[in-house]
């Protein structure tokens, strides 16, 4: 497994190795998210699409020069759908065992993962625990994680792929 992300790697210049088995691309959602409605700066869709285009270039190169078995491009529900069309999968983390909400869309060629939802009453019980804040439900960043310039820790925590979905996805797409 190889993780290609800022600040150590840049997908804009990355050249994929031979024999790539699978690709999970997750371009930053800051410009595509519908949650950006109150941002202080305007959307930069041209700049954001450069990252998406770089991810698709890597996928295309691997499709023709390696043994690529599956690929997926992930982003929260938002404007990216206008550029890429209907996603292959739209899900909530709670559908795969993580008791929080964040509508996520995935485009690509992959086997759909099996859902194991957290029942609504269990989600409600967890959220009603005294002192539990929404942010407490988010995954934690590794202690050695270096934030790319301009990112805050909460945004980085929201961007982490939910663990339950990751397990289900990789079980369905070994």
C-alpha atoms as a PDB file:
ATOM      1  CA  UNK A   1       0.000   0.000   0.000  1.00  0.00           C
ATOM      2  CA  UNK A   2       1.224   3.472  -0.868  1.00  0.00           C
ATOM      3  CA  UNK A   3      -0.391   6.731   0.292  1.00  0.00           C
ATOM      4  CA  UNK A   4       0.060   9.621  -2.102  1.00  0.00           C
ATOM      5  CA  UNK A   5      -0.885  12.847  -0.320  1.00  0.00           C
ATOM      6  CA  UNK A   6       0.399  16.282   0.538  1.00  0.00           C
ATOM      7  CA  UNK A   7       2.766  17.430   1.906  1.00  0.00           C
ATOM      8  CA  UNK A   8       5.071  14.539   0.862  1.00  0.00           C
ATOM      9  CA  UNK A   9       3.534  13.703  -2.527  1.00  0.00           C
ATOM     10  CA  UNK A  10       1.520  15.719  -5.029  1.00  0.00           C
ATOM     11  CA  UNK A  11      -0.919  13.969  -7.383  1.00  0.00           C
ATOM     12  CA  UNK A  12      -0.385  16.753  -9.914  1.00  0.00           C
ATOM     13  CA  UNK A  13       3.134  15.444 -10.599  1.00  0.00           C
ATOM     14  CA  UNK A  14       2.916  11.833  -9.390  1.00  0.00           C
ATOM     15  CA  UNK A  15       3.916   9.107 -11.833  1.00  0.00           C
ATOM     16  CA  UNK A  16       2.345   5.762 -10.837  1.00  0.00           C
ATOM     17  CA  UNK A  17       4.514   2.647 -10.570  1.00  0.00           C
ATOM     18  CA  UNK A  18       3.908  -0.503 -12.592  1.00  0.00           C
ATOM     19  CA  UNK A  19       1.479  -3.185 -11.401  1.00  0.00           C
ATOM     20  CA  UNK A  20      -0.966  -1.081  -9.391  1.00  0.00           C
ATOM     21  CA  UNK A  21      -3.720  -3.311  -7.969  1.00  0.00           C
ATOM     22  CA  UNK A  22      -6.259  -0.708  -6.808  1.00  0.00           C
ATOM     23  CA  UNK A  23      -6.652   3.037  -6.419  1.00  0.00           C
ATOM     24  CA  UNK A  24      -8.706   4.950  -3.884  1.00  0.00           C
ATOM     25  CA  UNK A  25      -8.522   8.635  -4.770  1.00  0.00           C
ATOM     26  CA  UNK A  26      -9.909  11.270  -2.438  1.00  0.00           C
ATOM     27  CA  UNK A  27      -9.349  14.766  -3.812  1.00  0.00           C
ATOM     28  CA  UNK A  28      -9.903  17.585  -1.280  1.00  0.00           C
ATOM     29  CA  UNK A  29     -13.559  18.457  -0.948  1.00  0.00           C
ATOM     30  CA  UNK A  30     -13.203  22.079   0.155  1.00  0.00           C
ATOM     31  CA  UNK A  31     -14.314  23.508  -3.190  1.00  0.00           C
ATOM     32  CA  UNK A  32     -16.907  20.855  -4.076  1.00  0.00           C
ATOM     33  CA  UNK A  33     -18.728  20.438  -0.752  1.00  0.00           C
ATOM     34  CA  UNK A  34     -22.258  21.760  -0.342  1.00  0.00           C
ATOM     35  CA  UNK A  35     -21.220  22.587   3.245  1.00  0.00           C
ATOM     36  CA  UNK A  36     -19.094  25.430   1.816  1.00  0.00           C
ATOM     37  CA  UNK A  37     -22.109  27.743   1.493  1.00  0.00           C
ATOM     38  CA  UNK A  38     -20.787  30.208   4.107  1.00  0.00           C
ATOM     39  CA  UNK A  39     -17.099  30.246   3.122  1.00  0.00           C
ATOM     40  CA  UNK A  40     -15.322  33.591   3.163  1.00  0.00           C
ATOM     41  CA  UNK A  41     -13.553  32.980  -0.150  1.00  0.00           C
ATOM     42  CA  UNK A  42     -15.153  32.082  -3.493  1.00  0.00           C
ATOM     43  CA  UNK A  43     -14.989  28.559  -4.876  1.00  0.00           C
ATOM     44  CA  UNK A  44     -12.026  27.818  -7.132  1.00  0.00           C
ATOM     45  CA  UNK A  45     -13.512  25.032  -9.245  1.00  0.00           C
ATOM     46  CA  UNK A  46     -10.820  25.343 -11.943  1.00  0.00           C
ATOM     47  CA  UNK A  47      -8.084  24.805  -9.368  1.00  0.00           C
ATOM     48  CA  UNK A  48      -9.987  22.013  -7.614  1.00  0.00           C
ATOM     49  CA  UNK A  49     -10.642  20.204 -10.892  1.00  0.00           C
ATOM     50  CA  UNK A  50      -6.876  20.101 -11.563  1.00  0.00           C
ATOM     51  CA  UNK A  51      -6.547  17.704  -8.627  1.00  0.00           C
ATOM     52  CA  UNK A  52      -9.504  15.598  -9.812  1.00  0.00           C
ATOM     53  CA  UNK A  53      -8.037  15.519 -13.333  1.00  0.00           C
ATOM     54  CA  UNK A  54      -4.673  14.403 -11.898  1.00  0.00           C
ATOM     55  CA  UNK A  55      -6.393  11.553 -10.008  1.00  0.00           C
ATOM     56  CA  UNK A  56      -8.220  10.495 -13.177  1.00  0.00           C
ATOM     57  CA  UNK A  57      -4.943  10.685 -15.161  1.00  0.00           C
ATOM     58  CA  UNK A  58      -3.294   8.314 -12.671  1.00  0.00           C
ATOM     59  CA  UNK A  59      -6.271   5.944 -12.870  1.00  0.00           C
ATOM     60  CA  UNK A  60      -6.210   6.055 -16.684  1.00  0.00           C
ATOM     61  CA  UNK A  61      -2.452   5.405 -16.827  1.00  0.00           C
ATOM     62  CA  UNK A  62      -2.789   2.467 -14.443  1.00  0.00           C
ATOM     63  CA  UNK A  63      -5.742   1.059 -16.397  1.00  0.00           C
ATOM     64  CA  UNK A  64      -3.593   0.667 -19.491  1.00  0.00           C
ATOM     65  CA  UNK A  65      -0.174  -0.089 -18.055  1.00  0.00           C
ATOM     66  CA  UNK A  66      -0.776  -2.343 -15.048  1.00  0.00           C
ATOM     67  CA  UNK A  67      -3.019  -4.958 -13.517  1.00  0.00           C
ATOM     68  CA  UNK A  68      -5.520  -2.465 -12.044  1.00  0.00           C
ATOM     69  CA  UNK A  69      -8.384  -4.473 -10.513  1.00  0.00           C
ATOM     70  CA  UNK A  70     -10.497  -1.633  -9.153  1.00  0.00           C
ATOM     71  CA  UNK A  71     -10.556   2.128  -8.702  1.00  0.00           C
ATOM     72  CA  UNK A  72     -12.670   4.585  -6.752  1.00  0.00           C
ATOM     73  CA  UNK A  73     -12.788   8.363  -6.470  1.00  0.00           C
ATOM     74  CA  UNK A  74     -14.438   9.613  -3.274  1.00  0.00           C
ATOM     75  CA  UNK A  75     -15.865  13.007  -2.297  1.00  0.00           C
ATOM     76  CA  UNK A  76     -18.715  14.263  -0.114  1.00  0.00           C
ATOM     77  CA  UNK A  77     -22.009  14.927  -1.857  1.00  0.00           C
ATOM     78  CA  UNK A  78     -21.694  18.211  -3.690  1.00  0.00           C
ATOM     79  CA  UNK A  79     -20.719  19.920  -6.892  1.00  0.00           C
ATOM     80  CA  UNK A  80     -18.311  17.249  -8.173  1.00  0.00           C
ATOM     81  CA  UNK A  81     -21.335  15.253  -9.357  1.00  0.00           C
ATOM     82  CA  UNK A  82     -21.974  17.988 -11.947  1.00  0.00           C
ATOM     83  CA  UNK A  83     -18.580  17.191 -13.502  1.00  0.00           C
ATOM     84  CA  UNK A  84     -18.387  13.407 -13.107  1.00  0.00           C
ATOM     85  CA  UNK A  85     -22.051  12.430 -13.414  1.00  0.00           C
ATOM     86  CA  UNK A  86     -23.954  10.057 -11.182  1.00  0.00           C
ATOM     87  CA  UNK A  87     -21.736   8.215  -8.667  1.00  0.00           C
ATOM     88  CA  UNK A  88     -21.621   4.420  -8.458  1.00  0.00           C
ATOM     89  CA  UNK A  89     -22.300   4.618  -4.694  1.00  0.00           C
ATOM     90  CA  UNK A  90     -23.714   7.191  -2.264  1.00  0.00           C
ATOM     91  CA  UNK A  91     -23.483   6.289   1.424  1.00  0.00           C
ATOM     92  CA  UNK A  92     -23.503   7.485   5.028  1.00  0.00           C
ATOM     93  CA  UNK A  93     -20.848   6.270   7.514  1.00  0.00           C
ATOM     94  CA  UNK A  94     -23.573   4.835   9.780  1.00  0.00           C
ATOM     95  CA  UNK A  95     -24.495   2.391   6.996  1.00  0.00           C
ATOM     96  CA  UNK A  96     -21.111   0.701   7.566  1.00  0.00           C
ATOM     97  CA  UNK A  97     -20.957   0.776  11.369  1.00  0.00           C
ATOM     98  CA  UNK A  98     -19.633   4.283  12.106  1.00  0.00           C
ATOM     99  CA  UNK A  99     -22.283   6.217  14.073  1.00  0.00           C
ATOM    100  CA  UNK A 100     -22.000   9.567  12.322  1.00  0.00           C
ATOM    101  CA  UNK A 101     -23.341  11.324   9.258  1.00  0.00           C
ATOM    102  CA  UNK A 102     -21.578  12.593   6.129  1.00  0.00           C
ATOM    103  CA  UNK A 103     -23.132  11.824   2.760  1.00  0.00           C
ATOM    104  CA  UNK A 104     -20.298  10.539   0.577  1.00  0.00           C
ATOM    105  CA  UNK A 105     -20.249   9.722  -3.127  1.00  0.00           C
ATOM    106  CA  UNK A 106     -17.918   7.328  -4.940  1.00  0.00           C
ATOM    107  CA  UNK A 107     -17.305   7.038  -8.664  1.00  0.00           C
ATOM    108  CA  UNK A 108     -15.357   4.194 -10.209  1.00  0.00           C
ATOM    109  CA  UNK A 109     -15.163   0.528 -11.070  1.00  0.00           C
ATOM    110  CA  UNK A 110     -15.415  -1.589  -7.931  1.00  0.00           C
ATOM    111  CA  UNK A 111     -17.549  -4.188  -6.141  1.00  0.00           C
ATOM    112  CA  UNK A 112     -20.135  -2.613  -3.857  1.00  0.00           C
ATOM    113  CA  UNK A 113     -19.304  -3.234  -0.180  1.00  0.00           C
ATOM    114  CA  UNK A 114     -21.728  -5.016   2.115  1.00  0.00           C
ATOM    115  CA  UNK A 115     -23.579  -2.685   4.490  1.00  0.00           C
ATOM    116  CA  UNK A 116     -23.707  -3.268   8.248  1.00  0.00           C
ATOM    117  CA  UNK A 117     -25.723  -0.284   9.510  1.00  0.00           C
ATOM    118  CA  UNK A 118     -25.763   1.108  13.020  1.00  0.00           C
ATOM    119  CA  UNK A 119     -29.474   1.028  13.964  1.00  0.00           C
ATOM    120  CA  UNK A 120     -31.122   4.481  14.271  1.00  0.00           C
ATOM    121  CA  UNK A 121     -31.850   4.020  17.977  1.00  0.00           C
ATOM    122  CA  UNK A 122     -28.164   3.231  18.648  1.00  0.00           C
ATOM    123  CA  UNK A 123     -27.057   6.315  16.671  1.00  0.00           C
ATOM    124  CA  UNK A 124     -29.474   8.451  18.678  1.00  0.00           C
ATOM    125  CA  UNK A 125     -28.288   6.909  21.980  1.00  0.00           C
ATOM    126  CA  UNK A 126     -24.648   7.638  21.153  1.00  0.00           C
ATOM    127  CA  UNK A 127     -25.429  11.244  20.201  1.00  0.00           C
ATOM    128  CA  UNK A 128     -27.423  11.794  23.408  1.00  0.00           C
ATOM    129  CA  UNK A 129     -24.619  10.759  25.751  1.00  0.00           C
ATOM    130  CA  UNK A 130     -24.068  13.742  27.999  1.00  0.00           C
ATOM    131  CA  UNK A 131     -21.060  15.721  26.881  1.00  0.00           C
ATOM    132  CA  UNK A 132     -20.792  14.100  23.455  1.00  0.00           C
ATOM    133  CA  UNK A 133     -20.184  16.657  20.754  1.00  0.00           C
ATOM    134  CA  UNK A 134     -20.359  16.018  17.025  1.00  0.00           C
ATOM    135  CA  UNK A 135     -16.591  16.451  16.759  1.00  0.00           C
ATOM    136  CA  UNK A 136     -16.061  13.703  19.352  1.00  0.00           C
ATOM    137  CA  UNK A 137     -17.551  11.221  16.870  1.00  0.00           C
ATOM    138  CA  UNK A 138     -14.940  11.942  14.185  1.00  0.00           C
ATOM    139  CA  UNK A 139     -11.869   9.733  13.705  1.00  0.00           C
ATOM    140  CA  UNK A 140      -8.625  10.911  15.329  1.00  0.00           C
ATOM    141  CA  UNK A 141      -5.598  11.959  13.294  1.00  0.00           C
ATOM    142  CA  UNK A 142      -2.369  10.029  13.835  1.00  0.00           C
ATOM    143  CA  UNK A 143      -0.088  11.878  16.258  1.00  0.00           C
ATOM    144  CA  UNK A 144       2.611  12.245  13.579  1.00  0.00           C
ATOM    145  CA  UNK A 145       0.181  13.588  10.945  1.00  0.00           C
ATOM    146  CA  UNK A 146       1.413  16.786   9.285  1.00  0.00           C
ATOM    147  CA  UNK A 147      -1.396  19.016   8.056  1.00  0.00           C
ATOM    148  CA  UNK A 148      -1.012  20.406   4.535  1.00  0.00           C
ATOM    149  CA  UNK A 149      -0.888  24.219   4.387  1.00  0.00           C
ATOM    150  CA  UNK A 150      -4.305  25.812   4.865  1.00  0.00           C
ATOM    151  CA  UNK A 151      -6.002  22.784   6.504  1.00  0.00           C
ATOM    152  CA  UNK A 152      -7.349  22.730  10.025  1.00  0.00           C
ATOM    153  CA  UNK A 153      -7.513  19.653  12.247  1.00  0.00           C
ATOM    154  CA  UNK A 154     -11.334  19.382  12.258  1.00  0.00           C
ATOM    155  CA  UNK A 155     -11.492  19.468   8.457  1.00  0.00           C
ATOM    156  CA  UNK A 156      -8.732  16.864   8.307  1.00  0.00           C
ATOM    157  CA  UNK A 157     -10.617  14.623  10.768  1.00  0.00           C
ATOM    158  CA  UNK A 158     -13.831  14.932   8.710  1.00  0.00           C
ATOM    159  CA  UNK A 159     -11.862  13.954   5.606  1.00  0.00           C
ATOM    160  CA  UNK A 160     -10.727  10.594   7.019  1.00  0.00           C
ATOM    161  CA  UNK A 161     -12.463   7.655   5.367  1.00  0.00           C
ATOM    162  CA  UNK A 162     -14.757   6.066   7.989  1.00  0.00           C
ATOM    163  CA  UNK A 163     -13.153   2.880   9.345  1.00  0.00           C
ATOM    164  CA  UNK A 164     -16.259   0.700   8.912  1.00  0.00           C
ATOM    165  CA  UNK A 165     -16.631   1.698   5.280  1.00  0.00           C
ATOM    166  CA  UNK A 166     -12.898   1.192   4.633  1.00  0.00           C
ATOM    167  CA  UNK A 167     -13.063  -2.359   6.053  1.00  0.00           C
ATOM    168  CA  UNK A 168     -16.189  -3.219   4.029  1.00  0.00           C
ATOM    169  CA  UNK A 169     -14.760  -1.692   0.851  1.00  0.00           C
ATOM    170  CA  UNK A 170     -11.464  -3.574   1.049  1.00  0.00           C
ATOM    171  CA  UNK A 171     -13.229  -6.811   1.935  1.00  0.00           C
ATOM    172  CA  UNK A 172     -15.316  -6.456  -1.250  1.00  0.00           C
ATOM    173  CA  UNK A 173     -12.319  -5.267  -3.322  1.00  0.00           C
ATOM    174  CA  UNK A 174      -9.259  -7.257  -2.169  1.00  0.00           C
END
